Amino acid sequence: MNVLSICVIAPSVIKDKVYKPKVAYHAVPKHLKPPISAKELAGSQKRVKRIPEGVSIEGVYDRFHVSQFFKNTRESMKEAKSLYDEARSASTGVKKLTSLIDNRQFLVPCIISRVDFLDALCDTWFSVSIMSNDITEKLSLVT
């Protein structure tokens, strides 16, 4: 036997050997991916609220890692931009007190020792408030 004949492989053997990876890499097409879930959307809204005002979606997408919420979903960049704008414009839920004549006077519902004082006039700037006589009588604070 010749050394050269051992090293040569027959062409029929090469055709039969096709490389098959041990771990199948399955890339799901974008249109078959699920939409963004409510949990992921809430997480992205929390992150969007921390971003400074006036930054566009293009600057935010990679810089603040908002893209990770849309990586495995079917939302396009246009839909992600609309979700970003919606999260930016969402109200924070801060309740403002109704103002009266003066800037420092507000109507605040007040309950002291199980007595409800509807529309009690309070000044939020001072720790001591002035009470009317009927309130002091209800609280039995008259000396």
C-alpha atoms as a PDB file:
ATOM      1  CA  MET A   1       0.000   0.000   0.000  1.00  0.00           C
ATOM      2  CA  ASN A   2       1.147   3.360  -0.893  1.00  0.00           C
ATOM      3  CA  VAL A   3       1.004   6.268   1.593  1.00  0.00           C
ATOM      4  CA  LEU A   4      -0.565   8.444  -1.024  1.00  0.00           C
ATOM      5  CA  SER A   5      -3.483   6.115  -1.587  1.00  0.00           C
ATOM      6  CA  ILE A   6      -4.361   6.170   2.121  1.00  0.00           C
ATOM      7  CA  CYS A   7      -4.594   9.994   2.287  1.00  0.00           C
ATOM      8  CA  VAL A   8      -6.857  10.361  -0.725  1.00  0.00           C
ATOM      9  CA  ILE A   9     -10.562  10.288   0.118  1.00  0.00           C
ATOM     10  CA  ALA A  10     -13.089   9.093  -2.358  1.00  0.00           C
ATOM     11  CA  PRO A  11     -15.547  11.783  -3.642  1.00  0.00           C
ATOM     12  CA  SER A  12     -18.570   9.680  -2.623  1.00  0.00           C
ATOM     13  CA  VAL A  13     -17.474   9.772   1.031  1.00  0.00           C
ATOM     14  CA  ILE A  14     -17.303  13.619   1.022  1.00  0.00           C
ATOM     15  CA  LYS A  15     -20.910  13.967  -0.210  1.00  0.00           C
ATOM     16  CA  ASP A  16     -22.246  11.749   2.568  1.00  0.00           C
ATOM     17  CA  LYS A  17     -20.587  13.735   5.352  1.00  0.00           C
ATOM     18  CA  VAL A  18     -22.615  16.865   5.981  1.00  0.00           C
ATOM     19  CA  TYR A  19     -21.860  18.990   9.022  1.00  0.00           C
ATOM     20  CA  LYS A  20     -24.717  19.022  11.520  1.00  0.00           C
ATOM     21  CA  PRO A  21     -24.287  21.190  14.611  1.00  0.00           C
ATOM     22  CA  LYS A  22     -24.900  19.525  17.963  1.00  0.00           C
ATOM     23  CA  VAL A  23     -27.064  22.416  19.189  1.00  0.00           C
ATOM     24  CA  ALA A  24     -29.713  23.505  16.764  1.00  0.00           C
ATOM     25  CA  TYR A  25     -29.703  27.282  16.293  1.00  0.00           C
ATOM     26  CA  HIS A  26     -33.288  28.288  15.841  1.00  0.00           C
ATOM     27  CA  ALA A  27     -33.863  31.884  14.798  1.00  0.00           C
ATOM     28  CA  VAL A  28     -37.544  32.787  15.022  1.00  0.00           C
ATOM     29  CA  PRO A  29     -38.704  35.229  12.352  1.00  0.00           C
ATOM     30  CA  LYS A  30     -39.783  38.614  13.724  1.00  0.00           C
ATOM     31  CA  HIS A  31     -43.418  38.216  12.614  1.00  0.00           C
ATOM     32  CA  LEU A  32     -43.720  34.968  14.626  1.00  0.00           C
ATOM     33  CA  LYS A  33     -42.335  36.414  17.855  1.00  0.00           C
ATOM     34  CA  PRO A  34     -44.852  37.228  20.610  1.00  0.00           C
ATOM     35  CA  PRO A  35     -45.832  40.856  21.277  1.00  0.00           C
ATOM     36  CA  ILE A  36     -44.353  42.646  24.281  1.00  0.00           C
ATOM     37  CA  SER A  37     -45.934  41.473  27.526  1.00  0.00           C
ATOM     38  CA  ALA A  38     -47.450  43.737  30.179  1.00  0.00           C
ATOM     39  CA  LYS A  39     -44.593  42.942  32.578  1.00  0.00           C
ATOM     40  CA  GLU A  40     -41.935  43.901  30.028  1.00  0.00           C
ATOM     41  CA  LEU A  41     -43.877  47.033  29.095  1.00  0.00           C
ATOM     42  CA  ALA A  42     -44.079  48.103  32.745  1.00  0.00           C
ATOM     43  CA  GLY A  43     -40.333  47.570  33.091  1.00  0.00           C
ATOM     44  CA  SER A  44     -39.632  49.663  30.018  1.00  0.00           C
ATOM     45  CA  GLN A  45     -41.937  52.438  31.275  1.00  0.00           C
ATOM     46  CA  LYS A  46     -40.039  52.552  34.581  1.00  0.00           C
ATOM     47  CA  ARG A  47     -36.774  52.895  32.701  1.00  0.00           C
ATOM     48  CA  VAL A  48     -38.194  55.531  30.326  1.00  0.00           C
ATOM     49  CA  LYS A  49     -39.324  57.710  33.243  1.00  0.00           C
ATOM     50  CA  ARG A  50     -35.716  57.887  34.482  1.00  0.00           C
ATOM     51  CA  ILE A  51     -34.462  59.258  31.163  1.00  0.00           C
ATOM     52  CA  PRO A  52     -33.938  63.050  31.043  1.00  0.00           C
ATOM     53  CA  GLU A  53     -36.404  65.182  29.086  1.00  0.00           C
ATOM     54  CA  GLY A  54     -35.699  66.084  25.480  1.00  0.00           C
ATOM     55  CA  VAL A  55     -33.817  62.918  24.467  1.00  0.00           C
ATOM     56  CA  SER A  56     -35.066  61.295  21.256  1.00  0.00           C
ATOM     57  CA  ILE A  57     -35.821  57.584  20.893  1.00  0.00           C
ATOM     58  CA  GLU A  58     -32.782  57.080  18.656  1.00  0.00           C
ATOM     59  CA  GLY A  59     -30.437  58.312  21.397  1.00  0.00           C
ATOM     60  CA  VAL A  60     -32.293  56.402  24.087  1.00  0.00           C
ATOM     61  CA  TYR A  61     -32.572  53.057  22.318  1.00  0.00           C
ATOM     62  CA  ASP A  62     -28.995  51.880  22.889  1.00  0.00           C
ATOM     63  CA  ARG A  63     -27.643  54.399  25.387  1.00  0.00           C
ATOM     64  CA  PHE A  64     -30.196  53.651  28.109  1.00  0.00           C
ATOM     65  CA  HIS A  65     -30.691  49.964  27.169  1.00  0.00           C
ATOM     66  CA  VAL A  66     -34.371  50.336  26.259  1.00  0.00           C
ATOM     67  CA  SER A  67     -33.725  48.047  23.281  1.00  0.00           C
ATOM     68  CA  GLN A  68     -33.512  44.983  25.547  1.00  0.00           C
ATOM     69  CA  PHE A  69     -37.272  45.168  26.126  1.00  0.00           C
ATOM     70  CA  PHE A  70     -37.973  44.932  22.394  1.00  0.00           C
ATOM     71  CA  LYS A  71     -35.234  42.444  21.436  1.00  0.00           C
ATOM     72  CA  ASN A  72     -37.340  39.264  21.497  1.00  0.00           C
ATOM     73  CA  THR A  73     -40.658  40.796  20.485  1.00  0.00           C
ATOM     74  CA  ARG A  74     -42.284  41.564  17.181  1.00  0.00           C
ATOM     75  CA  GLU A  75     -42.583  45.338  17.712  1.00  0.00           C
ATOM     76  CA  SER A  76     -40.864  47.377  15.054  1.00  0.00           C
ATOM     77  CA  MET A  77     -38.897  50.562  15.702  1.00  0.00           C
ATOM     78  CA  LYS A  78     -41.991  52.605  14.816  1.00  0.00           C
ATOM     79  CA  GLU A  79     -44.128  50.770  17.390  1.00  0.00           C
ATOM     80  CA  ALA A  80     -41.339  51.040  19.976  1.00  0.00           C
ATOM     81  CA  LYS A  81     -41.232  54.799  19.347  1.00  0.00           C
ATOM     82  CA  SER A  82     -44.986  55.093  19.922  1.00  0.00           C
ATOM     83  CA  LEU A  83     -44.682  53.094  23.177  1.00  0.00           C
ATOM     84  CA  TYR A  84     -41.802  55.364  24.224  1.00  0.00           C
ATOM     85  CA  ASP A  85     -43.838  58.510  23.525  1.00  0.00           C
ATOM     86  CA  GLU A  86     -46.808  57.037  25.393  1.00  0.00           C
ATOM     87  CA  ALA A  87     -44.645  56.273  28.450  1.00  0.00           C
ATOM     88  CA  ARG A  88     -43.130  59.783  28.356  1.00  0.00           C
ATOM     89  CA  SER A  89     -46.546  61.450  28.232  1.00  0.00           C
ATOM     90  CA  ALA A  90     -48.149  59.234  30.892  1.00  0.00           C
ATOM     91  CA  SER A  91     -49.096  61.165  33.987  1.00  0.00           C
ATOM     92  CA  THR A  92     -47.071  60.402  37.079  1.00  0.00           C
ATOM     93  CA  GLY A  93     -50.156  60.318  39.276  1.00  0.00           C
ATOM     94  CA  VAL A  94     -49.124  63.265  41.433  1.00  0.00           C
ATOM     95  CA  LYS A  95     -52.180  64.733  43.088  1.00  0.00           C
ATOM     96  CA  LYS A  96     -52.253  68.474  43.455  1.00  0.00           C
ATOM     97  CA  LEU A  97     -54.149  70.206  46.216  1.00  0.00           C
ATOM     98  CA  THR A  98     -56.893  72.596  45.177  1.00  0.00           C
ATOM     99  CA  SER A  99     -55.743  76.141  45.760  1.00  0.00           C
ATOM    100  CA  LEU A 100     -57.874  78.834  47.408  1.00  0.00           C
ATOM    101  CA  ILE A 101     -57.336  82.572  47.370  1.00  0.00           C
ATOM    102  CA  ASP A 102     -53.818  82.542  48.785  1.00  0.00           C
ATOM    103  CA  ASN A 103     -51.046  80.349  47.354  1.00  0.00           C
ATOM    104  CA  ARG A 104     -50.318  78.998  50.819  1.00  0.00           C
ATOM    105  CA  GLN A 105     -53.870  77.923  51.688  1.00  0.00           C
ATOM    106  CA  PHE A 106     -55.319  74.579  50.637  1.00  0.00           C
ATOM    107  CA  LEU A 107     -58.433  72.528  51.262  1.00  0.00           C
ATOM    108  CA  VAL A 108     -57.325  69.298  52.873  1.00  0.00           C
ATOM    109  CA  PRO A 109     -59.654  66.576  54.194  1.00  0.00           C
ATOM    110  CA  CYS A 110     -58.835  66.204  57.858  1.00  0.00           C
ATOM    111  CA  ILE A 111     -59.720  63.491  60.411  1.00  0.00           C
ATOM    112  CA  ILE A 112     -58.592  63.997  64.003  1.00  0.00           C
ATOM    113  CA  SER A 113     -59.492  61.385  66.624  1.00  0.00           C
ATOM    114  CA  ARG A 114     -62.281  59.913  64.475  1.00  0.00           C
ATOM    115  CA  VAL A 115     -63.908  63.310  63.853  1.00  0.00           C
ATOM    116  CA  ASP A 116     -64.114  64.204  60.175  1.00  0.00           C
ATOM    117  CA  PHE A 117     -63.599  67.897  59.387  1.00  0.00           C
ATOM    118  CA  LEU A 118     -64.711  68.371  55.804  1.00  0.00           C
ATOM    119  CA  ASP A 119     -62.864  71.037  53.839  1.00  0.00           C
ATOM    120  CA  ALA A 120     -60.702  72.096  56.763  1.00  0.00           C
ATOM    121  CA  LEU A 121     -58.647  75.146  55.908  1.00  0.00           C
ATOM    122  CA  CYS A 122     -54.997  74.247  56.381  1.00  0.00           C
ATOM    123  CA  ASP A 123     -51.802  76.049  55.622  1.00  0.00           C
ATOM    124  CA  THR A 124     -49.172  73.534  54.551  1.00  0.00           C
ATOM    125  CA  TRP A 125     -46.275  75.895  55.320  1.00  0.00           C
ATOM    126  CA  PHE A 126     -46.779  76.020  59.092  1.00  0.00           C
ATOM    127  CA  SER A 127     -46.760  73.269  61.670  1.00  0.00           C
ATOM    128  CA  VAL A 128     -49.251  75.112  63.917  1.00  0.00           C
ATOM    129  CA  SER A 129     -52.722  75.699  62.530  1.00  0.00           C
ATOM    130  CA  ILE A 130     -55.418  77.971  63.900  1.00  0.00           C
ATOM    131  CA  MET A 131     -58.659  76.136  64.741  1.00  0.00           C
ATOM    132  CA  SER A 132     -62.121  77.545  65.039  1.00  0.00           C
ATOM    133  CA  ASN A 133     -64.072  77.289  68.298  1.00  0.00           C
ATOM    134  CA  ASP A 134     -66.501  74.622  67.047  1.00  0.00           C
ATOM    135  CA  ILE A 135     -63.589  72.327  66.161  1.00  0.00           C
ATOM    136  CA  THR A 136     -62.032  72.755  69.594  1.00  0.00           C
ATOM    137  CA  GLU A 137     -65.389  71.951  71.195  1.00  0.00           C
ATOM    138  CA  LYS A 138     -65.759  68.775  69.114  1.00  0.00           C
ATOM    139  CA  LEU A 139     -62.295  67.699  70.138  1.00  0.00           C
ATOM    140  CA  SER A 140     -62.929  68.723  73.741  1.00  0.00           C
ATOM    141  CA  LEU A 141     -59.773  70.816  73.796  1.00  0.00           C
ATOM    142  CA  VAL A 142     -61.407  73.775  75.546  1.00  0.00           C
ATOM    143  CA  THR A 143     -59.514  74.691  78.700  1.00  0.00           C
END
